[in-house]
């Protein structure tokens, strides 16, 4: 996952190397997932995951929860990875609770939908393999 700063660094580096036509360069969904039948399903999943975060803190914490997801991995220290993921999930929950303290239901709903994105990431990995 690339954040705004990483994209800006990449853009600056490419421009300093005099790479031309950057403004017209666009990566398309088909470049990553050429199977046309899966395009809508994968596209919807990617959009749902990519558009969930409403601020930088949500983006960062959700990215870390996803990064430290131990599912579908053969880990020697699985419990350690699970604990790290839990810490980031707890920080995300606290952030959303604090952010939406005027309407706690919104905070709970946002956290729940964020955690459901883990299953969406698994769907992407399963669909893209087939």
N, C-alpha and C. Protein backbone atom coordinates (compact mmCIF):
# COMPACT_ATOMS: atom_id res chain seq x y z
N UNK A 1 0.84 -1.18 0.00
CA UNK A 1 0.00 0.00 0.00
C UNK A 1 0.89 1.24 0.00
N UNK A 2 0.63 2.11 -0.94
CA UNK A 2 1.40 3.34 -1.03
C UNK A 2 0.57 4.49 -0.49
N UNK A 3 1.17 5.27 0.37
CA UNK A 3 0.51 6.46 0.87
C UNK A 3 0.84 7.65 0.00
N UNK A 4 0.28 8.79 0.35
CA UNK A 4 0.47 10.01 -0.43
C UNK A 4 1.95 10.38 -0.51
N UNK A 5 2.65 10.28 0.62
CA UNK A 5 4.07 10.66 0.63
C UNK A 5 4.90 9.77 -0.28
N UNK A 6 4.61 8.46 -0.24
CA UNK A 6 5.38 7.53 -1.07
C UNK A 6 5.15 7.81 -2.56
N UNK A 7 3.91 8.13 -2.91
CA UNK A 7 3.60 8.44 -4.30
C UNK A 7 4.31 9.72 -4.72
N UNK A 8 4.32 10.71 -3.83
CA UNK A 8 5.02 11.96 -4.15
C UNK A 8 6.52 11.73 -4.31
N UNK A 9 7.11 10.89 -3.44
CA UNK A 9 8.54 10.58 -3.56
C UNK A 9 8.83 9.88 -4.89
N UNK A 10 7.99 8.93 -5.24
CA UNK A 10 8.17 8.21 -6.50
C UNK A 10 8.05 9.17 -7.68
N UNK A 11 7.07 10.03 -7.64
CA UNK A 11 6.88 11.01 -8.72
C UNK A 11 8.11 11.92 -8.83
N UNK A 12 8.59 12.41 -7.70
CA UNK A 12 9.78 13.28 -7.71
C UNK A 12 10.99 12.56 -8.27
N UNK A 13 11.18 11.31 -7.85
CA UNK A 13 12.33 10.53 -8.32
C UNK A 13 12.25 10.30 -9.82
N UNK A 14 11.08 9.92 -10.31
CA UNK A 14 10.93 9.69 -11.74
C UNK A 14 11.16 10.97 -12.54
N UNK A 15 10.66 12.09 -12.02
CA UNK A 15 10.85 13.36 -12.73
C UNK A 15 12.33 13.77 -12.70
N UNK A 16 13.03 13.50 -11.58
CA UNK A 16 14.46 13.84 -11.52
C UNK A 16 15.28 13.00 -12.49
N UNK A 17 14.78 11.83 -12.84
CA UNK A 17 15.45 10.97 -13.81
C UNK A 17 15.02 11.29 -15.24
N UNK A 18 14.22 12.37 -15.39
CA UNK A 18 13.74 12.83 -16.69
C UNK A 18 12.88 11.78 -17.40
N UNK A 19 12.10 11.04 -16.63
CA UNK A 19 11.16 10.10 -17.24
C UNK A 19 10.04 10.94 -17.85
N UNK A 20 9.77 10.72 -19.12
CA UNK A 20 8.80 11.55 -19.82
C UNK A 20 7.41 10.91 -19.82
N UNK A 21 6.43 11.73 -20.10
CA UNK A 21 5.04 11.30 -20.28
C UNK A 21 4.40 10.75 -18.99
N UNK A 22 4.88 11.20 -17.82
CA UNK A 22 4.33 10.71 -16.55
C UNK A 22 2.87 11.12 -16.36
N UNK A 23 2.52 12.29 -16.85
CA UNK A 23 1.15 12.77 -16.67
C UNK A 23 0.14 11.92 -17.43
N UNK A 24 0.58 11.22 -18.46
CA UNK A 24 -0.32 10.39 -19.25
C UNK A 24 -0.24 8.91 -18.87
N UNK A 25 0.61 8.58 -17.91
CA UNK A 25 0.77 7.18 -17.50
C UNK A 25 -0.29 6.82 -16.47
N UNK A 26 -1.02 5.77 -16.75
CA UNK A 26 -2.07 5.31 -15.83
C UNK A 26 -2.03 3.79 -15.75
N UNK A 27 -2.08 3.28 -14.55
CA UNK A 27 -2.17 1.84 -14.36
C UNK A 27 -3.64 1.47 -14.35
N UNK A 28 -3.98 0.46 -15.09
CA UNK A 28 -5.37 0.03 -15.14
C UNK A 28 -5.54 -1.27 -14.39
N UNK A 29 -6.74 -1.52 -14.01
CA UNK A 29 -7.08 -2.74 -13.30
C UNK A 29 -6.69 -3.97 -14.11
N UNK A 30 -6.90 -3.91 -15.41
CA UNK A 30 -6.59 -5.04 -16.29
C UNK A 30 -5.11 -5.40 -16.30
N UNK A 31 -4.25 -4.44 -16.01
CA UNK A 31 -2.82 -4.74 -15.98
C UNK A 31 -2.47 -5.70 -14.85
N UNK A 32 -3.24 -5.62 -13.78
CA UNK A 32 -2.97 -6.47 -12.63
C UNK A 32 -3.81 -7.75 -12.64
N UNK A 33 -5.02 -7.66 -13.16
CA UNK A 33 -5.94 -8.79 -13.19
C UNK A 33 -6.55 -8.91 -14.58
N UNK A 34 -5.87 -9.59 -15.48
CA UNK A 34 -6.31 -9.63 -16.88
C UNK A 34 -7.55 -10.48 -17.13
N UNK A 35 -7.98 -11.29 -16.19
CA UNK A 35 -9.14 -12.15 -16.39
C UNK A 35 -10.41 -11.29 -16.38
N UNK A 36 -11.04 -11.14 -17.53
CA UNK A 36 -12.19 -10.24 -17.68
C UNK A 36 -13.38 -10.62 -16.80
N UNK A 37 -13.64 -11.91 -16.63
CA UNK A 37 -14.80 -12.34 -15.85
C UNK A 37 -14.70 -11.90 -14.40
N UNK A 38 -13.51 -11.81 -13.86
CA UNK A 38 -13.32 -11.44 -12.46
C UNK A 38 -13.20 -9.94 -12.26
N UNK A 39 -13.17 -9.20 -13.33
CA UNK A 39 -12.89 -7.77 -13.26
C UNK A 39 -13.84 -7.03 -12.32
N UNK A 40 -15.13 -7.20 -12.48
CA UNK A 40 -16.07 -6.47 -11.64
C UNK A 40 -15.95 -6.88 -10.18
N UNK A 41 -15.86 -8.16 -9.93
CA UNK A 41 -15.76 -8.62 -8.55
C UNK A 41 -14.51 -8.08 -7.89
N UNK A 42 -13.37 -8.23 -8.54
CA UNK A 42 -12.12 -7.73 -7.98
C UNK A 42 -12.13 -6.21 -7.90
N UNK A 43 -12.65 -5.57 -8.92
CA UNK A 43 -12.71 -4.11 -8.92
C UNK A 43 -13.53 -3.59 -7.76
N UNK A 44 -14.67 -4.21 -7.51
CA UNK A 44 -15.51 -3.81 -6.39
C UNK A 44 -14.80 -3.99 -5.06
N UNK A 45 -14.10 -5.13 -4.93
CA UNK A 45 -13.36 -5.40 -3.69
C UNK A 45 -12.25 -4.38 -3.48
N UNK A 46 -11.51 -4.10 -4.54
CA UNK A 46 -10.41 -3.14 -4.44
C UNK A 46 -10.94 -1.76 -4.06
N UNK A 47 -12.01 -1.34 -4.68
CA UNK A 47 -12.60 -0.03 -4.37
C UNK A 47 -13.09 0.00 -2.93
N UNK A 48 -13.75 -1.04 -2.49
CA UNK A 48 -14.28 -1.09 -1.12
C UNK A 48 -13.15 -0.98 -0.10
N UNK A 49 -12.07 -1.70 -0.33
CA UNK A 49 -10.94 -1.66 0.60
C UNK A 49 -10.22 -0.32 0.52
N UNK A 50 -9.97 0.12 -0.69
CA UNK A 50 -9.19 1.34 -0.88
C UNK A 50 -9.89 2.62 -0.46
N UNK A 51 -11.21 2.60 -0.42
CA UNK A 51 -11.94 3.83 -0.08
C UNK A 51 -12.46 3.84 1.34
N UNK A 52 -12.12 2.85 2.14
CA UNK A 52 -12.66 2.77 3.50
C UNK A 52 -12.14 3.89 4.39
N UNK A 53 -10.84 4.13 4.40
CA UNK A 53 -10.23 5.09 5.33
C UNK A 53 -10.69 6.51 5.02
N UNK A 54 -11.00 7.24 6.09
CA UNK A 54 -11.45 8.63 5.94
C UNK A 54 -10.38 9.64 6.37
N UNK A 55 -9.31 9.16 6.98
CA UNK A 55 -8.20 10.04 7.35
C UNK A 55 -6.91 9.23 7.38
N UNK A 56 -5.80 9.92 7.58
CA UNK A 56 -4.49 9.25 7.54
C UNK A 56 -4.32 8.23 8.66
N UNK A 57 -4.87 8.52 9.83
CA UNK A 57 -4.74 7.58 10.95
C UNK A 57 -5.49 6.29 10.63
N UNK A 58 -6.71 6.41 10.13
CA UNK A 58 -7.47 5.21 9.75
C UNK A 58 -6.73 4.42 8.67
N UNK A 59 -6.21 5.13 7.69
CA UNK A 59 -5.48 4.47 6.60
C UNK A 59 -4.27 3.70 7.14
N UNK A 60 -3.50 4.36 7.98
CA UNK A 60 -2.29 3.74 8.52
C UNK A 60 -2.62 2.54 9.39
N UNK A 61 -3.55 2.71 10.31
CA UNK A 61 -3.88 1.62 11.23
C UNK A 61 -4.53 0.44 10.50
N UNK A 62 -5.43 0.70 9.57
CA UNK A 62 -6.03 -0.40 8.82
C UNK A 62 -4.96 -1.12 8.00
N UNK A 63 -4.05 -0.37 7.40
CA UNK A 63 -2.98 -0.99 6.63
C UNK A 63 -2.14 -1.92 7.52
N UNK A 64 -1.88 -1.50 8.74
CA UNK A 64 -1.10 -2.32 9.65
C UNK A 64 -1.88 -3.55 10.12
N UNK A 65 -3.18 -3.41 10.32
CA UNK A 65 -4.01 -4.56 10.68
C UNK A 65 -3.97 -5.59 9.55
N UNK A 66 -4.07 -5.11 8.32
CA UNK A 66 -4.02 -6.01 7.16
C UNK A 66 -2.62 -6.63 7.03
N UNK A 67 -1.59 -5.82 7.19
CA UNK A 67 -0.22 -6.30 7.06
C UNK A 67 0.09 -7.41 8.06
N UNK A 68 -0.40 -7.28 9.28
CA UNK A 68 -0.11 -8.26 10.32
C UNK A 68 -1.21 -9.31 10.44
N UNK A 69 -1.96 -9.52 9.38
CA UNK A 69 -2.98 -10.58 9.38
C UNK A 69 -2.28 -11.93 9.18
N UNK A 70 -2.38 -12.83 10.15
CA UNK A 70 -1.66 -14.09 10.06
C UNK A 70 -2.39 -15.16 9.24
N UNK A 71 -3.57 -14.88 8.81
CA UNK A 71 -4.36 -15.87 8.07
C UNK A 71 -3.67 -16.25 6.77
N UNK A 72 -3.81 -17.49 6.41
CA UNK A 72 -3.29 -18.04 5.17
C UNK A 72 -1.76 -17.98 5.09
N UNK A 73 -1.09 -17.85 6.23
CA UNK A 73 0.36 -17.85 6.25
C UNK A 73 0.85 -18.97 7.15
N UNK A 74 1.95 -19.55 6.80
CA UNK A 74 2.57 -20.58 7.62
C UNK A 74 3.63 -19.89 8.47
N UNK A 75 3.27 -19.55 9.71
CA UNK A 75 4.14 -18.77 10.57
C UNK A 75 4.72 -19.61 11.70
N UNK A 76 5.96 -19.34 12.04
CA UNK A 76 6.55 -20.02 13.19
C UNK A 76 6.17 -19.32 14.49
N UNK A 77 5.89 -18.02 14.41
CA UNK A 77 5.50 -17.27 15.60
C UNK A 77 4.13 -16.61 15.37
N UNK A 78 3.18 -17.44 15.07
CA UNK A 78 1.83 -16.98 14.74
C UNK A 78 1.23 -16.11 15.86
N UNK A 79 1.39 -16.55 17.08
CA UNK A 79 0.81 -15.83 18.22
C UNK A 79 1.36 -14.40 18.31
N UNK A 80 2.63 -14.25 18.04
CA UNK A 80 3.25 -12.93 18.08
C UNK A 80 2.65 -12.01 17.03
N UNK A 81 2.46 -12.52 15.82
CA UNK A 81 1.86 -11.74 14.74
C UNK A 81 0.41 -11.39 15.08
N UNK A 82 -0.32 -12.35 15.65
CA UNK A 82 -1.71 -12.09 16.06
C UNK A 82 -1.78 -10.99 17.10
N UNK A 83 -0.85 -11.01 18.07
CA UNK A 83 -0.84 -9.98 19.11
C UNK A 83 -0.53 -8.60 18.55
N UNK A 84 0.39 -8.55 17.59
CA UNK A 84 0.71 -7.26 16.95
C UNK A 84 -0.52 -6.75 16.19
N UNK A 85 -1.17 -7.64 15.46
CA UNK A 85 -2.37 -7.24 14.73
C UNK A 85 -3.44 -6.74 15.70
N UNK A 86 -3.61 -7.43 16.81
CA UNK A 86 -4.60 -7.03 17.81
C UNK A 86 -4.30 -5.65 18.37
N UNK A 87 -3.03 -5.35 18.59
CA UNK A 87 -2.67 -4.01 19.10
C UNK A 87 -3.08 -2.92 18.11
N UNK A 88 -2.81 -3.15 16.82
CA UNK A 88 -3.19 -2.14 15.83
C UNK A 88 -4.71 -2.05 15.67
N UNK A 89 -5.40 -3.18 15.78
CA UNK A 89 -6.86 -3.17 15.71
C UNK A 89 -7.44 -2.40 16.90
N UNK A 90 -6.83 -2.58 18.06
CA UNK A 90 -7.29 -1.87 19.26
C UNK A 90 -7.05 -0.37 19.12
N UNK A 91 -5.89 0.00 18.56
CA UNK A 91 -5.63 1.42 18.32
C UNK A 91 -6.64 2.00 17.33
N UNK A 92 -6.99 1.24 16.32
CA UNK A 92 -7.99 1.70 15.35
C UNK A 92 -9.34 1.88 16.02
N UNK A 93 -9.72 0.92 16.85
CA UNK A 93 -11.00 1.03 17.56
C UNK A 93 -11.01 2.26 18.47
N UNK A 94 -9.93 2.50 19.19
CA UNK A 94 -9.85 3.67 20.07
C UNK A 94 -9.92 4.96 19.26
N UNK A 95 -9.23 4.99 18.13
CA UNK A 95 -9.26 6.18 17.27
C UNK A 95 -10.69 6.46 16.79
N UNK A 96 -11.37 5.42 16.32
CA UNK A 96 -12.73 5.60 15.81
C UNK A 96 -13.70 5.96 16.94
N UNK A 97 -13.51 5.38 18.10
CA UNK A 97 -14.37 5.70 19.25
C UNK A 97 -14.20 7.17 19.64
N UNK A 98 -12.94 7.62 19.67
CA UNK A 98 -12.66 9.02 20.01
C UNK A 98 -13.16 9.96 18.91
N UNK A 99 -12.94 9.60 17.68
CA UNK A 99 -13.34 10.44 16.54
C UNK A 99 -14.86 10.61 16.48
N UNK A 100 -15.58 9.56 16.83
CA UNK A 100 -17.04 9.59 16.74
C UNK A 100 -17.68 9.54 18.13
N UNK A 101 -17.07 10.22 19.09
CA UNK A 101 -17.61 10.18 20.46
C UNK A 101 -19.00 10.77 20.57
N UNK A 102 -19.37 11.67 19.64
CA UNK A 102 -20.72 12.24 19.66
C UNK A 102 -21.77 11.24 19.17
N UNK A 103 -21.34 10.24 18.41
CA UNK A 103 -22.24 9.20 17.91
C UNK A 103 -21.52 7.86 17.95
N UNK A 104 -21.52 7.22 19.13
CA UNK A 104 -20.76 5.96 19.30
C UNK A 104 -21.14 4.86 18.31
N UNK A 105 -22.40 4.86 17.85
CA UNK A 105 -22.80 3.84 16.87
C UNK A 105 -22.01 3.96 15.57
N UNK A 106 -21.68 5.17 15.18
CA UNK A 106 -20.90 5.38 13.96
C UNK A 106 -19.50 4.80 14.15
N UNK A 107 -18.90 5.06 15.30
CA UNK A 107 -17.57 4.52 15.59
C UNK A 107 -17.56 3.00 15.57
N UNK A 108 -18.56 2.40 16.20
CA UNK A 108 -18.65 0.93 16.22
C UNK A 108 -18.88 0.38 14.82
N UNK A 109 -19.73 1.02 14.07
CA UNK A 109 -20.03 0.57 12.71
C UNK A 109 -18.80 0.69 11.81
N UNK A 110 -18.07 1.79 11.94
CA UNK A 110 -16.86 1.98 11.13
C UNK A 110 -15.81 0.93 11.48
N UNK A 111 -15.65 0.65 12.79
CA UNK A 111 -14.67 -0.35 13.19
C UNK A 111 -15.05 -1.73 12.64
N UNK A 112 -16.31 -2.07 12.77
CA UNK A 112 -16.79 -3.36 12.28
C UNK A 112 -16.56 -3.48 10.77
N UNK A 113 -16.91 -2.44 10.04
CA UNK A 113 -16.73 -2.50 8.59
C UNK A 113 -15.24 -2.57 8.22
N UNK A 114 -14.40 -1.92 9.03
CA UNK A 114 -12.96 -2.00 8.79
C UNK A 114 -12.42 -3.41 9.01
N UNK A 115 -12.91 -4.07 10.04
CA UNK A 115 -12.45 -5.43 10.31
C UNK A 115 -12.98 -6.41 9.27
N UNK A 116 -14.15 -6.14 8.72
CA UNK A 116 -14.68 -6.99 7.65
C UNK A 116 -13.84 -6.90 6.38
N UNK A 117 -13.06 -5.84 6.26
CA UNK A 117 -12.20 -5.70 5.08
C UNK A 117 -11.12 -6.78 5.05
N UNK A 118 -10.80 -7.35 6.20
CA UNK A 118 -9.83 -8.45 6.22
C UNK A 118 -10.33 -9.61 5.37
N UNK A 119 -11.62 -9.90 5.48
CA UNK A 119 -12.17 -10.99 4.67
C UNK A 119 -12.19 -10.60 3.19
N UNK A 120 -12.36 -9.31 2.91
CA UNK A 120 -12.33 -8.84 1.51
C UNK A 120 -10.93 -9.00 0.93
N UNK A 121 -9.91 -8.75 1.74
CA UNK A 121 -8.53 -8.95 1.28
C UNK A 121 -8.28 -10.42 0.97
N UNK A 122 -8.84 -11.30 1.79
CA UNK A 122 -8.70 -12.74 1.54
C UNK A 122 -9.40 -13.11 0.23
N UNK A 123 -10.56 -12.51 -0.01
CA UNK A 123 -11.28 -12.78 -1.26
C UNK A 123 -10.43 -12.38 -2.46
N UNK A 124 -9.78 -11.22 -2.37
CA UNK A 124 -8.92 -10.77 -3.47
C UNK A 124 -7.80 -11.77 -3.70
N UNK A 125 -7.17 -12.21 -2.63
CA UNK A 125 -6.05 -13.14 -2.82
C UNK A 125 -6.53 -14.47 -3.41
N UNK A 126 -7.71 -14.92 -3.02
CA UNK A 126 -8.23 -16.18 -3.56
C UNK A 126 -8.66 -16.04 -5.01
N UNK A 127 -9.32 -14.93 -5.33
CA UNK A 127 -9.81 -14.72 -6.69
C UNK A 127 -8.65 -14.48 -7.64
N UNK A 128 -7.65 -13.73 -7.20
CA UNK A 128 -6.54 -13.40 -8.10
C UNK A 128 -5.65 -14.61 -8.38
N UNK A 129 -5.65 -15.62 -7.50
CA UNK A 129 -4.87 -16.82 -7.74
C UNK A 129 -5.51 -17.67 -8.81
N UNK A 130 -6.81 -17.68 -8.86
CA UNK A 130 -7.55 -18.52 -9.84
C UNK A 130 -7.59 -17.80 -11.13
